[in-house]
C-alpha atoms as a PDB file:
ATOM      1  CA  MET A   1     116.830 300.522  62.494  1.00  0.00           C
ATOM      2  CA  ALA A   2     115.277 300.501  66.003  1.00  0.00           C
ATOM      3  CA  ASP A   3     114.222 303.864  67.896  1.00  0.00           C
ATOM      4  CA  LEU A   4     116.281 305.321  70.577  1.00  0.00           C
ATOM      5  CA  LEU A   5     114.019 308.237  71.651  1.00  0.00           C
ATOM      6  CA  GLN A   6     110.526 308.941  71.369  1.00  0.00           C
ATOM      7  CA  LEU A   7     108.310 312.002  72.123  1.00  0.00           C
ATOM      8  CA  ALA A   8     104.632 312.466  71.338  1.00  0.00           C
ATOM      9  CA  GLU A   9     103.289 316.149  71.807  1.00  0.00           C
ATOM     10  CA  LEU A  10     105.946 317.543  73.889  1.00  0.00           C
ATOM     11  CA  LYS A  11     105.028 321.380  74.566  1.00  0.00           C
ATOM     12  CA  ALA A  12     107.283 323.513  76.498  1.00  0.00           C
ATOM     13  CA  TRP A  13     106.911 327.181  78.126  1.00  0.00           C
ATOM     14  CA  TYR A  14     108.936 329.768  80.280  1.00  0.00           C
ATOM     15  CA  ASP A  15     105.228 331.327  80.650  1.00  0.00           C
ATOM     16  CA  PRO A  16     102.729 329.058  80.880  1.00  0.00           C
ATOM     17  CA  GLU A  17     100.343 331.056  78.372  1.00  0.00           C
ATOM     18  CA  LYS A  18     103.264 331.498  75.844  1.00  0.00           C
ATOM     19  CA  GLN A  19     104.237 327.958  74.619  1.00  0.00           C
ATOM     20  CA  VAL A  20     107.668 327.601  73.131  1.00  0.00           C
ATOM     21  CA  LEU A  21     107.281 324.212  71.868  1.00  0.00           C
ATOM     22  CA  LYS A  22     103.605 323.383  70.887  1.00  0.00           C
ATOM     23  CA  GLY A  23     102.706 319.917  70.376  1.00  0.00           C
ATOM     24  CA  LEU A  24     106.119 318.672  68.990  1.00  0.00           C
ATOM     25  CA  ASP A  25     106.665 314.850  67.867  1.00  0.00           C
ATOM     26  CA  LEU A  26     110.250 313.438  67.736  1.00  0.00           C
ATOM     27  CA  ILE A  27     111.989 309.972  67.057  1.00  0.00           C
ATOM     28  CA  LEU A  28     115.482 309.794  67.222  1.00  0.00           C
ATOM     29  CA  GLU A  29     117.132 306.438  65.904  1.00  0.00           C
ATOM     30  CA  GLU A  30     119.613 304.280  67.034  1.00  0.00           C
ATOM     31  CA  HIS A  31     123.030 304.911  65.843  1.00  0.00           C
ATOM     32  CA  SER A  32     122.291 308.064  63.500  1.00  0.00           C
ATOM     33  CA  VAL A  33     122.955 311.706  63.321  1.00  0.00           C
ATOM     34  CA  ILE A  34     120.123 314.052  63.405  1.00  0.00           C
ATOM     35  CA  GLY A  35     120.364 317.875  62.541  1.00  0.00           C
ATOM     36  CA  LEU A  36     117.849 320.330  64.239  1.00  0.00           C
ATOM     37  CA  ILE A  37     117.763 323.742  62.417  1.00  0.00           C
ATOM     38  CA  GLY A  38     115.437 326.822  62.762  1.00  0.00           C
ATOM     39  CA  LEU A  39     115.435 330.449  62.947  1.00  0.00           C
ATOM     40  CA  ASN A  40     116.431 332.369  66.280  1.00  0.00           C
ATOM     41  CA  GLY A  41     113.683 331.830  69.014  1.00  0.00           C
ATOM     42  CA  ALA A  42     112.456 328.992  67.225  1.00  0.00           C
ATOM     43  CA  GLY A  43     113.093 326.585  70.564  1.00  0.00           C
ATOM     44  CA  LYS A  44     116.068 324.815  69.726  1.00  0.00           C
ATOM     45  CA  THR A  45     117.681 325.259  72.646  1.00  0.00           C
ATOM     46  CA  THR A  46     114.410 324.863  74.979  1.00  0.00           C
ATOM     47  CA  LEU A  47     114.036 321.736  73.209  1.00  0.00           C
ATOM     48  CA  MET A  48     117.826 320.310  74.423  1.00  0.00           C
ATOM     49  CA  ASN A  49     117.108 321.571  78.071  1.00  0.00           C
ATOM     50  CA  VAL A  50     113.959 319.290  78.332  1.00  0.00           C
ATOM     51  CA  LEU A  51     115.992 316.418  76.803  1.00  0.00           C
ATOM     52  CA  CYS A  52     118.590 316.776  79.083  1.00  0.00           C
ATOM     53  CA  GLY A  53     116.383 317.621  82.275  1.00  0.00           C
ATOM     54  CA  LEU A  54     117.262 320.967  83.168  1.00  0.00           C
ATOM     55  CA  HIS A  55     113.578 322.170  81.802  1.00  0.00           C
ATOM     56  CA  THR A  56     110.793 321.765  83.842  1.00  0.00           C
ATOM     57  CA  GLY A  57     108.169 323.492  82.127  1.00  0.00           C
ATOM     58  CA  PHE A  58     107.174 320.829  79.826  1.00  0.00           C
ATOM     59  CA  SER A  59     104.461 318.069  79.389  1.00  0.00           C
ATOM     60  CA  SER A  60     104.472 314.969  76.786  1.00  0.00           C
ATOM     61  CA  ASN A  61     101.892 312.421  75.978  1.00  0.00           C
ATOM     62  CA  GLU A  62     104.824 309.851  75.378  1.00  0.00           C
ATOM     63  CA  LEU A  63     108.279 309.499  76.412  1.00  0.00           C
ATOM     64  CA  LYS A  64     110.208 306.325  75.628  1.00  0.00           C
ATOM     65  CA  PHE A  65     113.592 305.844  75.652  1.00  0.00           C
ATOM     66  CA  SER A  66     114.830 302.236  73.949  1.00  0.00           C
ATOM     67  CA  GLY A  67     111.337 301.152  74.030  1.00  0.00           C
ATOM     68  CA  LYS A  68     110.380 301.721  77.714  1.00  0.00           C
ATOM     69  CA  ASN A  69     108.730 304.846  79.652  1.00  0.00           C
ATOM     70  CA  PHE A  70     111.226 306.965  81.371  1.00  0.00           C
ATOM     71  CA  SER A  71     111.761 310.466  82.739  1.00  0.00           C
ATOM     72  CA  PHE A  72     114.274 312.936  81.906  1.00  0.00           C
ATOM     73  CA  LYS A  73     115.064 312.890  85.610  1.00  0.00           C
ATOM     74  CA  ASP A  74     115.799 309.342  85.789  1.00  0.00           C
ATOM     75  CA  LYS A  75     119.124 308.314  86.717  1.00  0.00           C
ATOM     76  CA  GLU A  76     119.080 305.189  84.054  1.00  0.00           C
ATOM     77  CA  PHE A  77     118.329 307.916  81.485  1.00  0.00           C
ATOM     78  CA  LYS A  78     120.952 310.540  82.773  1.00  0.00           C
ATOM     79  CA  GLU A  79     123.716 307.790  82.634  1.00  0.00           C
ATOM     80  CA  GLN A  80     122.920 307.230  78.775  1.00  0.00           C
ATOM     81  CA  ARG A  81     122.990 310.712  77.845  1.00  0.00           C
ATOM     82  CA  TYR A  82     125.857 314.026  77.496  1.00  0.00           C
ATOM     83  CA  ILE A  83     125.110 317.665  76.392  1.00  0.00           C
ATOM     84  CA  VAL A  84     127.364 320.289  75.167  1.00  0.00           C
ATOM     85  CA  PHE A  85     125.420 323.616  75.961  1.00  0.00           C
ATOM     86  CA  SER A  86     125.816 326.458  73.526  1.00  0.00           C
ATOM     87  CA  GLU A  87     126.907 328.397  76.497  1.00  0.00           C
ATOM     88  CA  ASP A  88     128.795 326.821  79.573  1.00  0.00           C
ATOM     89  CA  GLU A  89     130.809 328.346  82.244  1.00  0.00           C
ATOM     90  CA  SER A  90     130.873 325.524  84.982  1.00  0.00           C
ATOM     91  CA  PHE A  91     133.745 323.585  86.749  1.00  0.00           C
ATOM     92  CA  GLY A  92     135.702 326.544  86.011  1.00  0.00           C
ATOM     93  CA  TYR A  93     138.477 325.458  88.631  1.00  0.00           C
ATOM     94  CA  PHE A  94     138.774 322.334  86.905  1.00  0.00           C
ATOM     95  CA  SER A  95     141.705 321.734  84.286  1.00  0.00           C
ATOM     96  CA  PHE A  96     140.810 319.790  81.201  1.00  0.00           C
ATOM     97  CA  ASP A  97     142.094 316.598  82.866  1.00  0.00           C
ATOM     98  CA  GLU A  98     140.391 317.068  86.298  1.00  0.00           C
ATOM     99  CA  TYR A  99     136.856 317.624  84.706  1.00  0.00           C
ATOM    100  CA  ILE A 100     137.413 314.455  82.190  1.00  0.00           C
ATOM    101  CA  ALA A 101     137.940 312.453  85.395  1.00  0.00           C
ATOM    102  CA  TYR A 102     135.127 313.811  87.147  1.00  0.00           C
ATOM    103  CA  VAL A 103     132.838 313.352  84.499  1.00  0.00           C
ATOM    104  CA  PHE A 104     133.790 309.577  83.931  1.00  0.00           C
ATOM    105  CA  GLY A 105     133.440 308.949  87.661  1.00  0.00           C
ATOM    106  CA  CYS A 106     130.073 310.369  87.285  1.00  0.00           C
ATOM    107  CA  TYR A 107     128.990 308.201  84.928  1.00  0.00           C
ATOM    108  CA  ASN A 108     130.734 305.240  86.225  1.00  0.00           C
ATOM    109  CA  LYS A 109     133.005 304.853  83.328  1.00  0.00           C
ATOM    110  CA  LYS A 110     136.742 303.996  82.548  1.00  0.00           C
ATOM    111  CA  PRO A 111     138.308 306.658  80.474  1.00  0.00           C
ATOM    112  CA  ASP A 112     139.793 305.387  77.433  1.00  0.00           C
ATOM    113  CA  LYS A 113     143.488 307.549  77.594  1.00  0.00           C
ATOM    114  CA  THR A 114     144.597 306.646  74.074  1.00  0.00           C
ATOM    115  CA  TYR A 115     141.244 307.544  72.499  1.00  0.00           C
ATOM    116  CA  ILE A 116     141.048 310.938  74.851  1.00  0.00           C
ATOM    117  CA  ASP A 117     144.656 311.749  73.554  1.00  0.00           C
ATOM    118  CA  GLU A 118     143.687 311.217  69.755  1.00  0.00           C
ATOM    119  CA  LEU A 119     140.238 313.790  70.564  1.00  0.00           C
ATOM    120  CA  VAL A 120     142.711 316.111  72.209  1.00  0.00           C
ATOM    121  CA  GLU A 121     145.093 316.357  68.909  1.00  0.00           C
ATOM    122  CA  LYS A 122     142.374 316.251  66.507  1.00  0.00           C
ATOM    123  CA  PHE A 123     141.142 319.609  68.355  1.00  0.00           C
ATOM    124  CA  GLY A 124     144.488 320.892  69.239  1.00  0.00           C
ATOM    125  CA  PHE A 125     144.178 321.353  72.540  1.00  0.00           C
ATOM    126  CA  GLY A 126     147.302 319.908  73.727  1.00  0.00           C
ATOM    127  CA  ASP A 127     148.713 322.468  75.417  1.00  0.00           C
ATOM    128  CA  TYR A 128     145.524 323.473  77.629  1.00  0.00           C
ATOM    129  CA  ARG A 129     144.972 320.411  79.040  1.00  0.00           C
ATOM    130  CA  SER A 130     146.180 321.720  82.848  1.00  0.00           C
ATOM    131  CA  THR A 131     144.643 325.301  82.206  1.00  0.00           C
ATOM    132  CA  PHE A 132     141.846 326.096  84.265  1.00  0.00           C
ATOM    133  CA  ILE A 133     138.910 325.907  82.481  1.00  0.00           C
ATOM    134  CA  LYS A 134     137.519 329.870  83.461  1.00  0.00           C
ATOM    135  CA  ASP A 135     140.848 331.181  81.678  1.00  0.00           C
ATOM    136  CA  LEU A 136     140.250 329.625  78.312  1.00  0.00           C
ATOM    137  CA  SER A 137     138.756 331.250  75.456  1.00  0.00           C
ATOM    138  CA  LEU A 138     135.331 330.522  74.048  1.00  0.00           C
ATOM    139  CA  GLY A 139     136.342 327.909  71.607  1.00  0.00           C
ATOM    140  CA  ASN A 140     138.779 326.073  73.866  1.00  0.00           C
ATOM    141  CA  ARG A 141     135.953 325.784  76.716  1.00  0.00           C
ATOM    142  CA  ARG A 142     133.613 324.317  73.939  1.00  0.00           C
ATOM    143  CA  LYS A 143     136.615 321.787  72.976  1.00  0.00           C
ATOM    144  CA  VAL A 144     136.682 320.640  76.664  1.00  0.00           C
ATOM    145  CA  TYR A 145     133.025 319.537  76.688  1.00  0.00           C
ATOM    146  CA  LEU A 146     132.885 318.282  72.978  1.00  0.00           C
ATOM    147  CA  ILE A 147     136.290 316.239  73.885  1.00  0.00           C
ATOM    148  CA  THR A 148     134.291 314.641  77.266  1.00  0.00           C
ATOM    149  CA  GLY A 149     130.813 314.195  75.187  1.00  0.00           C
ATOM    150  CA  PHE A 150     132.684 312.024  72.248  1.00  0.00           C
ATOM    151  CA  ALA A 151     135.116 310.356  74.809  1.00  0.00           C
ATOM    152  CA  LEU A 152     132.173 309.008  76.749  1.00  0.00           C
ATOM    153  CA  LYS A 153     130.798 307.210  73.814  1.00  0.00           C
ATOM    154  CA  LEU A 154     127.269 307.090  75.149  1.00  0.00           C
ATOM    155  CA  PRO A 155     124.117 306.393  73.387  1.00  0.00           C
ATOM    156  CA  LEU A 156     122.914 309.830  73.026  1.00  0.00           C
ATOM    157  CA  LEU A 157     124.898 313.051  72.474  1.00  0.00           C
ATOM    158  CA  LEU A 158     122.873 316.429  72.603  1.00  0.00           C
ATOM    159  CA  LEU A 159     124.865 319.108  70.839  1.00  0.00           C
ATOM    160  CA  ASP A 160     123.443 322.399  71.175  1.00  0.00           C
ATOM    161  CA  GLU A 161     125.333 324.946  68.401  1.00  0.00           C
ATOM    162  CA  PRO A 162     128.582 323.067  68.776  1.00  0.00           C
ATOM    163  CA  VAL A 163     130.299 324.895  65.785  1.00  0.00           C
ATOM    164  CA  ASN A 164     130.427 328.249  67.882  1.00  0.00           C
ATOM    165  CA  GLY A 165     133.998 329.396  68.770  1.00  0.00           C
ATOM    166  CA  LEU A 166     135.541 327.059  66.842  1.00  0.00           C
ATOM    167  CA  ASP A 167     138.415 327.422  64.325  1.00  0.00           C
ATOM    168  CA  PHE A 168     138.235 325.791  60.884  1.00  0.00           C
ATOM    169  CA  ASN A 169     140.864 322.650  61.842  1.00  0.00           C
ATOM    170  CA  SER A 170     138.655 322.140  64.872  1.00  0.00           C
ATOM    171  CA  THR A 171     135.420 322.529  62.945  1.00  0.00           C
ATOM    172  CA  GLU A 172     136.365 319.909  60.484  1.00  0.00           C
ATOM    173  CA  ALA A 173     137.457 317.624  62.948  1.00  0.00           C
ATOM    174  CA  LEU A 174     133.893 318.263  64.863  1.00  0.00           C
ATOM    175  CA  TYR A 175     132.197 317.389  61.440  1.00  0.00           C
ATOM    176  CA  ASP A 176     134.311 313.874  60.985  1.00  0.00           C
ATOM    177  CA  LEU A 177     133.355 312.949  64.552  1.00  0.00           C
ATOM    178  CA  ILE A 178     129.766 313.875  64.407  1.00  0.00           C
ATOM    179  CA  ALA A 179     129.559 311.924  61.207  1.00  0.00           C
ATOM    180  CA  GLY A 180     131.519 308.754  62.743  1.00  0.00           C
ATOM    181  CA  TYR A 181     129.456 308.518  66.269  1.00  0.00           C
ATOM    182  CA  LYS A 182     127.170 306.256  64.802  1.00  0.00           C
ATOM    183  CA  LYS A 183     129.331 303.506  65.637  1.00  0.00           C
ATOM    184  CA  PHE A 184     128.828 304.456  69.553  1.00  0.00           C
ATOM    185  CA  GLY A 185     125.230 305.854  69.662  1.00  0.00           C
ATOM    186  CA  THR A 186     123.283 308.955  68.180  1.00  0.00           C
ATOM    187  CA  VAL A 187     124.044 312.451  68.119  1.00  0.00           C
ATOM    188  CA  LEU A 188     121.121 315.170  68.078  1.00  0.00           C
ATOM    189  CA  PHE A 189     122.637 318.857  67.219  1.00  0.00           C
ATOM    190  CA  SER A 190     121.378 322.007  66.643  1.00  0.00           C
ATOM    191  CA  SER A 191     122.819 324.479  64.376  1.00  0.00           C
ATOM    192  CA  HIS A 192     122.385 327.832  62.494  1.00  0.00           C
ATOM    193  CA  ILE A 193     125.192 326.515  60.596  1.00  0.00           C
ATOM    194  CA  LEU A 194     123.726 324.916  57.146  1.00  0.00           C
ATOM    195  CA  GLU A 195     127.259 323.260  56.239  1.00  0.00           C
ATOM    196  CA  SER A 196     127.014 321.409  59.563  1.00  0.00           C
ATOM    197  CA  VAL A 197     123.694 319.620  59.278  1.00  0.00           C
ATOM    198  CA  THR A 198     124.003 319.114  55.350  1.00  0.00           C
ATOM    199  CA  LEU A 199     127.324 317.292  55.613  1.00  0.00           C
ATOM    200  CA  THR A 200     127.182 314.938  58.544  1.00  0.00           C
ATOM    201  CA  SER A 201     123.213 314.481  58.957  1.00  0.00           C
ATOM    202  CA  ASP A 202     121.212 311.175  58.091  1.00  0.00           C
ATOM    203  CA  LYS A 203     118.232 313.461  58.714  1.00  0.00           C
ATOM    204  CA  VAL A 204     117.662 317.244  59.219  1.00  0.00           C
ATOM    205  CA  LEU A 205     114.685 318.498  61.510  1.00  0.00           C
ATOM    206  CA  VAL A 206     113.729 321.717  60.622  1.00  0.00           C
ATOM    207  CA  LEU A 207     112.017 323.299  63.937  1.00  0.00           C
ATOM    208  CA  GLU A 208     109.466 325.934  63.161  1.00  0.00           C
ATOM    209  CA  ASN A 209     106.337 327.552  65.380  1.00  0.00           C
ATOM    210  CA  GLY A 210     106.960 325.318  67.897  1.00  0.00           C
ATOM    211  CA  ILE A 211     106.861 322.449  66.306  1.00  0.00           C
ATOM    212  CA  ILE A 212     109.083 319.681  63.657  1.00  0.00           C
ATOM    213  CA  ALA A 213     107.519 321.711  60.341  1.00  0.00           C
ATOM    214  CA  ARG A 214     109.804 319.467  57.987  1.00  0.00           C
ATOM    215  CA  THR A 215     112.050 316.734  57.720  1.00  0.00           C
ATOM    216  CA  TYR A 216     114.655 315.939  55.216  1.00  0.00           C
ATOM    217  CA  SER A 217     116.765 312.493  54.691  1.00  0.00           C
ATOM    218  CA  GLY A 218     118.872 311.276  52.172  1.00  0.00           C
ATOM    219  CA  SER A 219     119.306 313.197  49.006  1.00  0.00           C
ATOM    220  CA  ASP A 220     116.815 315.797  50.577  1.00  0.00           C
ATOM    221  CA  ILE A 221     119.229 317.146  52.335  1.00  0.00           C
ATOM    222  CA  THR A 222     120.831 320.110  50.568  1.00  0.00           C
ATOM    223  CA  THR A 223     121.550 323.559  51.140  1.00  0.00           C
ATOM    224  CA  GLU A 224     118.745 324.711  48.663  1.00  0.00           C
ATOM    225  CA  ASN A 225     115.912 322.595  50.550  1.00  0.00           C
ATOM    226  CA  ILE A 226     117.063 323.886  54.482  1.00  0.00           C
ATOM    227  CA  ARG A 227     117.428 327.616  52.988  1.00  0.00           C
ATOM    228  CA  ASP A 228     114.406 327.423  51.446  1.00  0.00           C
ATOM    229  CA  SER A 229     112.644 326.053  54.525  1.00  0.00           C
ATOM    230  CA  LEU A 230     113.956 328.706  56.958  1.00  0.00           C
ATOM    231  CA  GLU A 231     113.306 331.775  54.304  1.00  0.00           C
ATOM    232  CA  LYS A 232     109.286 330.459  54.311  1.00  0.00           C
ATOM    233  CA  ALA A 233     109.432 330.105  57.939  1.00  0.00           C
ATOM    234  CA  SER A 234     111.292 333.869  58.399  1.00  0.00           C
ATOM    235  CA  VAL A 235     108.240 334.812  56.269  1.00  0.00           C
ATOM    236  CA  VAL A 236     105.646 333.312  58.405  1.00  0.00           C
ATOM    237  CA  LYS A 237     107.638 334.650  61.237  1.00  0.00           C
ATOM    238  CA  ASP A 238     107.670 338.375  60.005  1.00  0.00           C
ATOM    239  CA  VAL A 239     103.872 338.480  58.975  1.00  0.00           C
END
């Protein structure tokens, strides 16, 4: 499988004297699902914000997308990725249908209305399509952005703690969609819920002390292995 995204020696900071990411190497393969897990404060959200071009305090020795050098600010790269943030209150005075029409326009893509309707049904969102986003519950706001992300079918879909706020049925739908996204592209998603990564991921990355400390794939992706990694990281953090 070819590499979609390659980063080498990625460092990121809010204060240059206190690095959050400390020389992180990351390879995302095409048409794969990668779970990112770590303790609170490990840098998962910082990494996601760097990848989508929002966090400017960073440096890297190598940035490649589909084998070519790039910048996170490049228009060509932005058109290939979409992110669902862990917290998002943007476009509050848009309804779902207005928001998705706007986003598809920004990406210069034509909406597949049949597929969007299927996603709306999967997430049980049909009664809220005309409601202002600001008036939706946390879970339903999350559904707006998740449905949009999956509907775009871009090469890279970034999800930061996507399970937060979802009900049981929507969580099951999310797991199914993440696992099935490989036919469209690659998913990188962060989570603190072990079930979400063990049920969907081809590879699980454990973020610890600003680097990818461990990687699990195939039969090694088990709750026991990942929990053991997090417990070890917790011990190190407390020392």
